[in-house]
């Protein structure tokens, strides 16, 4: 009976040692995971701040592009007005030339 108790005691001791080793390994793994979690959180924050910085750069570039587009629109409107005015002047010249042709035809018939 004493031998049986001693064997059980030895088995329980082995189990306890095994459990302690497992607990130690789990504590080490937990500590490592905590460090990784902290690093991931730091990296996440850095990415978020970088993303907001990138977003502000994109917004700034969009504002510059909008200003350039508005300038182009204004300049093109001015150019279009000048083109229409020039076309109207050319039409007036063409009408005058037609009138001169008619006048000269009338003058030739009248002579």
C-alpha atoms as a PDB file:
ATOM      1  CA  UNK A   1       0.000   0.000   0.000  1.00  0.00           C
ATOM      2  CA  UNK A   2       2.840   2.370   0.852  1.00  0.00           C
ATOM      3  CA  UNK A   3       4.458   1.601  -2.496  1.00  0.00           C
ATOM      4  CA  UNK A   4       1.230   2.397  -4.253  1.00  0.00           C
ATOM      5  CA  UNK A   5       1.010   5.739  -2.459  1.00  0.00           C
ATOM      6  CA  UNK A   6       4.654   6.447  -3.302  1.00  0.00           C
ATOM      7  CA  UNK A   7       4.044   5.671  -6.972  1.00  0.00           C
ATOM      8  CA  UNK A   8       1.013   7.939  -6.999  1.00  0.00           C
ATOM      9  CA  UNK A   9       3.075  10.618  -5.304  1.00  0.00           C
ATOM     10  CA  UNK A  10       5.813  10.281  -7.923  1.00  0.00           C
ATOM     11  CA  UNK A  11       3.234  10.457 -10.738  1.00  0.00           C
ATOM     12  CA  UNK A  12       1.662  13.515  -9.168  1.00  0.00           C
ATOM     13  CA  UNK A  13       5.097  15.102  -8.783  1.00  0.00           C
ATOM     14  CA  UNK A  14       5.883  14.456 -12.468  1.00  0.00           C
ATOM     15  CA  UNK A  15       2.529  15.915 -13.439  1.00  0.00           C
ATOM     16  CA  UNK A  16       3.135  18.955 -11.250  1.00  0.00           C
ATOM     17  CA  UNK A  17       6.594  19.500 -12.780  1.00  0.00           C
ATOM     18  CA  UNK A  18       5.103  19.098 -16.257  1.00  0.00           C
ATOM     19  CA  UNK A  19       2.330  21.559 -15.398  1.00  0.00           C
ATOM     20  CA  UNK A  20       4.833  24.051 -14.014  1.00  0.00           C
ATOM     21  CA  UNK A  21       6.938  23.763 -17.196  1.00  0.00           C
ATOM     22  CA  UNK A  22       3.828  24.254 -19.308  1.00  0.00           C
ATOM     23  CA  UNK A  23       2.792  27.240 -17.204  1.00  0.00           C
ATOM     24  CA  UNK A  24       6.279  28.751 -17.576  1.00  0.00           C
ATOM     25  CA  UNK A  25       6.186  28.256 -21.353  1.00  0.00           C
ATOM     26  CA  UNK A  26       2.690  29.769 -21.537  1.00  0.00           C
ATOM     27  CA  UNK A  27       3.812  32.758 -19.448  1.00  0.00           C
ATOM     28  CA  UNK A  28       6.757  33.298 -21.802  1.00  0.00           C
ATOM     29  CA  UNK A  29       4.510  32.978 -24.842  1.00  0.00           C
ATOM     30  CA  UNK A  30       2.010  35.372 -23.246  1.00  0.00           C
ATOM     31  CA  UNK A  31       4.782  37.914 -22.600  1.00  0.00           C
ATOM     32  CA  UNK A  32       5.939  37.591 -26.216  1.00  0.00           C
ATOM     33  CA  UNK A  33       2.379  38.033 -27.481  1.00  0.00           C
ATOM     34  CA  UNK A  34       1.952  41.108 -25.271  1.00  0.00           C
ATOM     35  CA  UNK A  35       5.090  42.642 -26.792  1.00  0.00           C
ATOM     36  CA  UNK A  36       3.844  41.822 -30.305  1.00  0.00           C
ATOM     37  CA  UNK A  37       0.459  43.317 -29.492  1.00  0.00           C
ATOM     38  CA  UNK A  38       2.110  46.509 -28.278  1.00  0.00           C
ATOM     39  CA  UNK A  39       4.226  46.659 -31.446  1.00  0.00           C
ATOM     40  CA  UNK A  40       1.160  46.088 -33.644  1.00  0.00           C
ATOM     41  CA  UNK A  41      -0.750  48.822 -31.821  1.00  0.00           C
ATOM     42  CA  UNK A  42       2.158  51.214 -32.308  1.00  0.00           C
ATOM     43  CA  UNK A  43       2.411  50.285 -35.978  1.00  0.00           C
ATOM     44  CA  UNK A  44      -1.350  50.671 -36.376  1.00  0.00           C
ATOM     45  CA  UNK A  45      -1.250  54.157 -34.890  1.00  0.00           C
ATOM     46  CA  UNK A  46       1.667  55.080 -37.147  1.00  0.00           C
ATOM     47  CA  UNK A  47      -0.246  53.838 -40.180  1.00  0.00           C
ATOM     48  CA  UNK A  48      -3.337  55.773 -39.142  1.00  0.00           C
ATOM     49  CA  UNK A  49      -1.404  58.999 -38.696  1.00  0.00           C
ATOM     50  CA  UNK A  50       0.376  58.354 -42.002  1.00  0.00           C
ATOM     51  CA  UNK A  51      -2.955  57.716 -43.665  1.00  0.00           C
ATOM     52  CA  UNK A  52      -4.379  60.990 -42.392  1.00  0.00           C
ATOM     53  CA  UNK A  53      -1.225  62.767 -43.559  1.00  0.00           C
ATOM     54  CA  UNK A  54      -1.613  61.134 -46.972  1.00  0.00           C
ATOM     55  CA  UNK A  55      -5.250  62.140 -47.038  1.00  0.00           C
ATOM     56  CA  UNK A  56      -4.360  65.760 -46.310  1.00  0.00           C
ATOM     57  CA  UNK A  57      -1.795  65.673 -49.139  1.00  0.00           C
ATOM     58  CA  UNK A  58      -4.443  64.274 -51.476  1.00  0.00           C
ATOM     59  CA  UNK A  59      -6.868  67.005 -50.415  1.00  0.00           C
ATOM     60  CA  UNK A  60      -4.201  69.649 -50.946  1.00  0.00           C
ATOM     61  CA  UNK A  61      -3.412  68.268 -54.407  1.00  0.00           C
ATOM     62  CA  UNK A  62      -7.122  68.199 -55.253  1.00  0.00           C
ATOM     63  CA  UNK A  63      -7.449  71.849 -54.185  1.00  0.00           C
ATOM     64  CA  UNK A  64      -4.495  72.828 -56.385  1.00  0.00           C
ATOM     65  CA  UNK A  65      -5.955  70.876 -59.300  1.00  0.00           C
ATOM     66  CA  UNK A  66      -9.309  72.609 -58.780  1.00  0.00           C
ATOM     67  CA  UNK A  67      -7.659  76.035 -58.766  1.00  0.00           C
ATOM     68  CA  UNK A  68      -5.773  75.185 -61.963  1.00  0.00           C
ATOM     69  CA  UNK A  69      -8.964  73.909 -63.575  1.00  0.00           C
ATOM     70  CA  UNK A  70     -10.839  77.083 -62.670  1.00  0.00           C
ATOM     71  CA  UNK A  71      -8.010  79.166 -64.144  1.00  0.00           C
ATOM     72  CA  UNK A  72      -8.130  77.136 -67.361  1.00  0.00           C
ATOM     73  CA  UNK A  73     -11.911  77.542 -67.525  1.00  0.00           C
ATOM     74  CA  UNK A  74     -11.649  81.305 -67.073  1.00  0.00           C
ATOM     75  CA  UNK A  75      -8.929  81.592 -69.713  1.00  0.00           C
ATOM     76  CA  UNK A  76     -10.807  79.364 -72.154  1.00  0.00           C
ATOM     77  CA  UNK A  77     -13.988  81.412 -71.692  1.00  0.00           C
ATOM     78  CA  UNK A  78     -12.007  84.545 -72.527  1.00  0.00           C
ATOM     79  CA  UNK A  79     -10.466  82.838 -75.555  1.00  0.00           C
ATOM     80  CA  UNK A  80     -13.873  81.642 -76.734  1.00  0.00           C
ATOM     81  CA  UNK A  81     -15.274  85.181 -76.427  1.00  0.00           C
ATOM     82  CA  UNK A  82     -12.352  86.527 -78.452  1.00  0.00           C
ATOM     83  CA  UNK A  83     -12.845  83.779 -81.037  1.00  0.00           C
ATOM     84  CA  UNK A  84     -16.562  84.570 -81.371  1.00  0.00           C
ATOM     85  CA  UNK A  85     -15.785  88.279 -81.659  1.00  0.00           C
ATOM     86  CA  UNK A  86     -13.169  87.543 -84.332  1.00  0.00           C
ATOM     87  CA  UNK A  87     -15.626  85.328 -86.213  1.00  0.00           C
ATOM     88  CA  UNK A  88     -18.220  88.106 -86.105  1.00  0.00           C
ATOM     89  CA  UNK A  89     -15.619  90.553 -87.447  1.00  0.00           C
ATOM     90  CA  UNK A  90     -14.721  88.130 -90.227  1.00  0.00           C
ATOM     91  CA  UNK A  91     -18.400  87.718 -91.067  1.00  0.00           C
ATOM     92  CA  UNK A  92     -18.716  91.509 -91.274  1.00  0.00           C
ATOM     93  CA  UNK A  93     -15.688  91.677 -93.599  1.00  0.00           C
ATOM     94  CA  UNK A  94     -17.149  88.870 -95.737  1.00  0.00           C
ATOM     95  CA  UNK A  95     -20.465  90.740 -95.963  1.00  0.00           C
ATOM     96  CA  UNK A  96     -18.618  93.920 -96.929  1.00  0.00           C
ATOM     97  CA  UNK A  97     -16.698  92.067 -99.626  1.00  0.00           C
ATOM     98  CA  UNK A  98     -19.968  90.670-100.980  1.00  0.00           C
ATOM     99  CA  UNK A  99     -21.366  94.183-101.034  1.00  0.00           C
ATOM    100  CA  UNK A 100     -18.296  95.455-102.896  1.00  0.00           C
ATOM    101  CA  UNK A 101     -18.726  92.695-105.484  1.00  0.00           C
ATOM    102  CA  UNK A 102     -22.373  93.714-105.965  1.00  0.00           C
ATOM    103  CA  UNK A 103     -21.466  97.379-106.188  1.00  0.00           C
ATOM    104  CA  UNK A 104     -18.768  96.678-108.750  1.00  0.00           C
ATOM    105  CA  UNK A 105     -21.165  94.478-110.751  1.00  0.00           C
ATOM    106  CA  UNK A 106     -23.749  97.251-110.712  1.00  0.00           C
ATOM    107  CA  UNK A 107     -21.113  99.780-111.735  1.00  0.00           C
ATOM    108  CA  UNK A 108     -20.005  97.637-114.648  1.00  0.00           C
ATOM    109  CA  UNK A 109     -23.617  97.159-115.810  1.00  0.00           C
ATOM    110  CA  UNK A 110     -24.330 100.835-115.440  1.00  0.00           C
ATOM    111  CA  UNK A 111     -21.346 101.986-117.521  1.00  0.00           C
END
